[in-house]
Protein backbone atom coordinates (compact mmCIF):
# COMPACT_ATOMS: atom_id res chain seq x y z
CA MET A 1 -34.00 45.84 -23.26
CA ASP A 2 -36.97 44.17 -24.98
CA TYR A 3 -40.24 43.16 -23.37
CA ILE A 4 -39.38 39.46 -23.33
CA SER A 5 -36.22 40.12 -21.32
CA VAL A 6 -38.15 42.32 -18.87
CA PHE A 7 -40.75 39.57 -18.50
CA PHE A 8 -38.11 36.90 -17.78
CA ILE A 9 -36.34 39.10 -15.22
CA ALA A 10 -39.62 39.91 -13.46
CA ALA A 11 -40.67 36.25 -13.56
CA ALA A 12 -37.28 35.21 -12.14
CA GLY A 13 -37.69 37.70 -9.28
CA THR A 14 -41.18 36.40 -8.54
CA VAL A 15 -39.97 32.80 -8.52
CA GLY A 16 -37.11 33.89 -6.26
CA ALA A 17 -39.50 35.38 -3.72
CA VAL A 18 -41.53 32.14 -3.62
CA VAL A 19 -38.37 30.03 -3.36
CA GLY A 20 -37.12 32.33 -0.58
CA SER A 21 -40.31 31.62 1.36
CA PHE A 22 -39.64 27.89 1.05
CA LEU A 23 -35.99 28.37 2.05
CA ASN A 24 -37.11 30.03 5.28
CA VAL A 25 -39.18 26.95 6.06
CA ALA A 26 -36.27 24.66 5.19
CA ILE A 27 -33.85 26.64 7.37
CA ILE A 28 -36.05 26.80 10.45
CA ARG A 29 -37.53 23.32 10.26
CA GLY A 30 -34.20 21.80 9.27
CA GLU A 31 -32.48 23.17 12.38
CA ARG A 32 -35.26 21.80 14.56
CA GLY A 33 -35.31 18.43 12.82
CA GLU A 34 -38.89 18.89 11.63
CA SER A 35 -40.41 17.62 8.40
CA LEU A 36 -40.66 19.98 5.44
CA THR A 37 -44.18 18.75 4.75
CA GLY A 38 -47.29 20.04 6.48
CA ARG A 39 -49.00 23.42 6.75
CA SER A 40 -47.14 26.47 8.03
CA ALA A 41 -48.22 27.73 11.44
CA CYS A 42 -47.38 30.50 13.90
CA ARG A 43 -44.48 29.41 16.12
CA SER A 44 -46.19 30.89 19.17
CA CYS A 45 -49.93 30.17 19.02
CA ARG A 46 -49.75 27.37 16.39
CA LYS A 47 -52.47 28.95 14.24
CA ILE A 48 -52.43 27.48 10.73
CA LEU A 49 -51.52 30.28 8.33
CA THR A 50 -53.87 31.15 5.47
CA PRO A 51 -52.66 31.72 1.88
CA ALA A 52 -53.07 35.48 2.43
CA GLU A 53 -50.60 35.27 5.33
CA LEU A 54 -48.02 33.45 3.21
CA ILE A 55 -47.53 35.92 0.36
CA PRO A 56 -43.75 36.39 0.10
CA ILE A 57 -42.48 39.78 1.35
CA LEU A 58 -45.89 41.47 1.27
CA SER A 59 -47.61 39.53 4.06
CA PHE A 60 -44.92 40.46 6.57
CA PHE A 61 -45.44 44.19 6.05
CA ILE A 62 -49.22 44.00 5.69
CA GLN A 63 -49.33 42.28 9.09
CA LYS A 64 -46.78 44.81 10.46
CA GLY A 65 -44.38 42.00 11.31
CA ARG A 66 -46.75 40.27 13.73
CA CYS A 67 -48.96 37.20 13.84
CA ARG A 68 -52.57 38.23 13.15
CA GLN A 69 -53.83 35.80 15.82
CA CYS A 70 -51.58 36.34 18.85
CA GLY A 71 -49.55 39.41 17.92
CA THR A 72 -46.17 37.70 18.33
CA ARG A 73 -43.37 39.39 16.41
CA LEU A 74 -42.29 37.55 13.28
CA PHE A 75 -38.65 37.01 12.35
CA TRP A 76 -37.16 39.66 10.05
CA GLN A 77 -35.44 36.69 8.46
CA TYR A 78 -38.63 35.98 6.49
CA PRO A 79 -38.79 39.09 4.27
CA LEU A 80 -35.00 39.49 4.12
CA VAL A 81 -34.41 36.00 2.70
CA GLU A 82 -37.37 36.33 0.33
CA PHE A 83 -36.23 39.74 -0.92
CA ALA A 84 -32.57 38.68 -1.25
CA THR A 85 -33.50 35.53 -3.17
CA ALA A 86 -35.88 37.46 -5.43
CA GLY A 87 -33.21 40.05 -6.19
CA SER A 88 -30.52 37.42 -6.77
CA TYR A 89 -32.74 35.45 -9.15
CA ALA A 90 -33.61 38.60 -11.10
CA VAL A 91 -29.93 39.62 -11.38
CA SER A 92 -29.01 36.09 -12.45
CA ALA A 93 -31.61 36.16 -15.22
CA PHE A 94 -30.41 39.61 -16.34
CA VAL A 95 -26.76 38.51 -16.53
CA LEU A 96 -27.55 35.30 -18.39
CA LEU A 97 -29.76 37.15 -20.89
CA GLN A 98 -26.69 39.20 -21.83
CA LYS A 99 -24.71 36.01 -22.57
CA PHE A 100 -27.17 33.54 -24.10
CA PRO A 101 -30.18 33.55 -26.41
CA LEU A 102 -33.39 32.03 -25.07
CA ASN A 103 -32.46 28.42 -25.76
CA GLY A 104 -31.75 25.24 -23.82
CA GLU A 105 -28.34 26.46 -22.71
CA PHE A 106 -29.86 29.60 -21.18
CA PHE A 107 -32.42 27.63 -19.18
CA PHE A 108 -29.81 25.10 -18.07
CA PHE A 109 -27.57 27.80 -16.60
CA LEU A 110 -30.59 29.65 -15.19
CA LEU A 111 -31.74 26.55 -13.33
CA ALA A 112 -28.20 25.87 -12.11
CA SER A 113 -27.86 29.44 -10.83
CA PHE A 114 -31.25 29.23 -9.09
CA LEU A 115 -30.20 26.03 -7.31
CA GLY A 116 -26.84 27.52 -6.34
CA ILE A 117 -28.36 30.75 -5.02
CA GLY A 118 -30.88 28.80 -2.94
CA ALA A 119 -28.17 26.58 -1.47
CA VAL A 120 -25.96 29.57 -0.65
CA ALA A 121 -28.88 31.32 1.06
CA VAL A 122 -29.51 28.27 3.25
CA VAL A 123 -25.81 28.00 4.13
CA LEU A 124 -25.47 31.71 4.92
CA VAL A 125 -28.57 32.06 7.11
CA SER A 126 -28.12 28.71 8.88
CA ASP A 127 -24.48 29.46 9.65
CA LEU A 128 -25.18 33.00 10.89
CA LYS A 129 -28.21 32.02 12.96
CA TYR A 130 -27.47 28.51 14.17
CA TYR A 131 -23.71 28.03 13.52
CA PHE A 132 -24.73 25.03 11.44
CA ILE A 133 -24.29 24.22 7.73
CA PRO A 134 -26.90 21.75 6.39
CA ASP A 135 -25.53 18.83 4.39
CA GLY A 136 -28.36 19.13 1.86
CA ALA A 137 -27.22 22.60 0.79
CA ILE A 138 -23.60 21.46 0.57
CA PHE A 139 -24.68 18.48 -1.56
CA ILE A 140 -26.38 20.79 -4.06
CA LEU A 141 -23.25 22.96 -4.26
CA PHE A 142 -21.14 19.81 -4.66
CA LEU A 143 -23.26 18.66 -7.62
CA LEU A 144 -23.02 22.10 -9.24
CA GLY A 145 -19.29 22.13 -8.53
CA GLY A 146 -18.92 18.75 -10.21
CA LEU A 147 -20.71 20.04 -13.31
CA ALA A 148 -18.56 23.18 -13.37
CA PHE A 149 -15.42 21.09 -12.95
CA PHE A 150 -16.47 18.86 -15.85
CA PHE A 151 -17.21 21.75 -18.21
CA ARG A 152 -13.99 23.48 -17.20
CA HIS A 153 -11.85 20.46 -18.05
CA ARG A 154 -13.60 18.89 -21.03
CA ASP A 155 -10.63 19.65 -23.28
CA ALA A 156 -7.94 20.21 -20.64
CA ALA A 157 -4.77 18.21 -20.25
CA ILE A 158 -4.70 15.58 -17.53
CA TYR A 159 -2.15 17.52 -15.46
CA ALA A 160 -4.41 20.59 -15.39
CA LEU A 161 -7.31 18.45 -14.20
CA ALA A 162 -5.14 16.80 -11.53
CA LEU A 163 -3.77 20.16 -10.35
CA ASP A 164 -7.23 21.69 -10.05
CA PHE A 165 -8.77 18.73 -8.22
CA GLY A 166 -5.67 18.08 -6.12
CA SER A 167 -5.40 21.65 -4.85
CA THR A 168 -9.10 21.65 -4.03
CA LEU A 169 -8.76 18.41 -2.10
CA VAL A 170 -5.61 19.44 -0.21
CA LEU A 171 -7.02 22.79 0.92
CA SER A 172 -10.28 21.14 2.01
CA LEU A 173 -8.41 18.47 3.95
CA PHE A 174 -6.44 21.21 5.70
CA LEU A 175 -9.71 22.62 7.07
CA VAL A 176 -10.82 19.11 8.03
CA LEU A 177 -7.49 18.67 9.84
CA LEU A 178 -8.08 21.88 11.83
CA TRP A 179 -11.50 20.58 12.80
CA PHE A 180 -10.02 17.23 13.84
CA LEU A 181 -7.12 18.66 15.86
CA SER A 182 -9.36 21.15 17.69
CA LYS A 183 -12.14 18.59 18.20
CA GLY A 184 -14.55 21.02 16.59
CA LEU A 185 -13.59 24.06 18.69
CA TRP A 186 -11.94 26.11 15.91
CA MET A 187 -14.43 25.33 13.19
CA GLY A 188 -17.05 22.79 12.23
CA LEU A 189 -16.61 19.91 9.81
CA GLY A 190 -19.12 21.63 7.56
CA ASP A 191 -16.54 24.31 6.72
CA GLY A 192 -14.25 21.76 5.10
CA LYS A 193 -17.11 20.21 3.11
CA LEU A 194 -18.37 23.64 2.06
CA PHE A 195 -14.89 24.73 0.94
CA PHE A 196 -14.52 21.61 -1.20
CA ALA A 197 -17.88 22.16 -2.94
CA VAL A 198 -17.31 25.88 -3.55
CA ALA A 199 -13.71 25.33 -4.73
CA LEU A 200 -14.95 22.81 -7.30
CA LEU A 201 -17.56 25.33 -8.41
CA LEU A 202 -15.11 28.21 -8.75
């Protein structure tokens, strides 16, 4: 592996850690209906956090998982999401470097993978922690799914396109039907929307 590839993989991992930090904010504030703008603060004592306290992954361990002001334990979610996003971004860059030269196509697919990974992280953590799937993350996956569907069927026959889209729609509507019949007790409406977006993507 050449130095340029190593640089891009390391840079992708660094970007992933920073994005992971933002995703944590989006997940927590989104569930509480708070704005994404404004300075980050301790959830307990409301102390505004300094840049040194916001370094992805490192700050959590330097502070031993506690707020420096009041000593309240911080969520393990913070470093886990940051580390997972950093690792996923680095792996994505590595895989794409094996398939494409460093041209526009490479950066297009790299950006698409970064957006998809971020959306999946939000869906996964929000669903596990709050039993809630944000529409914003599903919308990003839907857009990526639409692009994937287009590229998949650029030269396909009309029946192949109809079969692919029709099966995706029918299976998604089946999940929506389960939600409707159970009045939300068996599953949430977000599951049907998520299935539709992911099925288009895959």
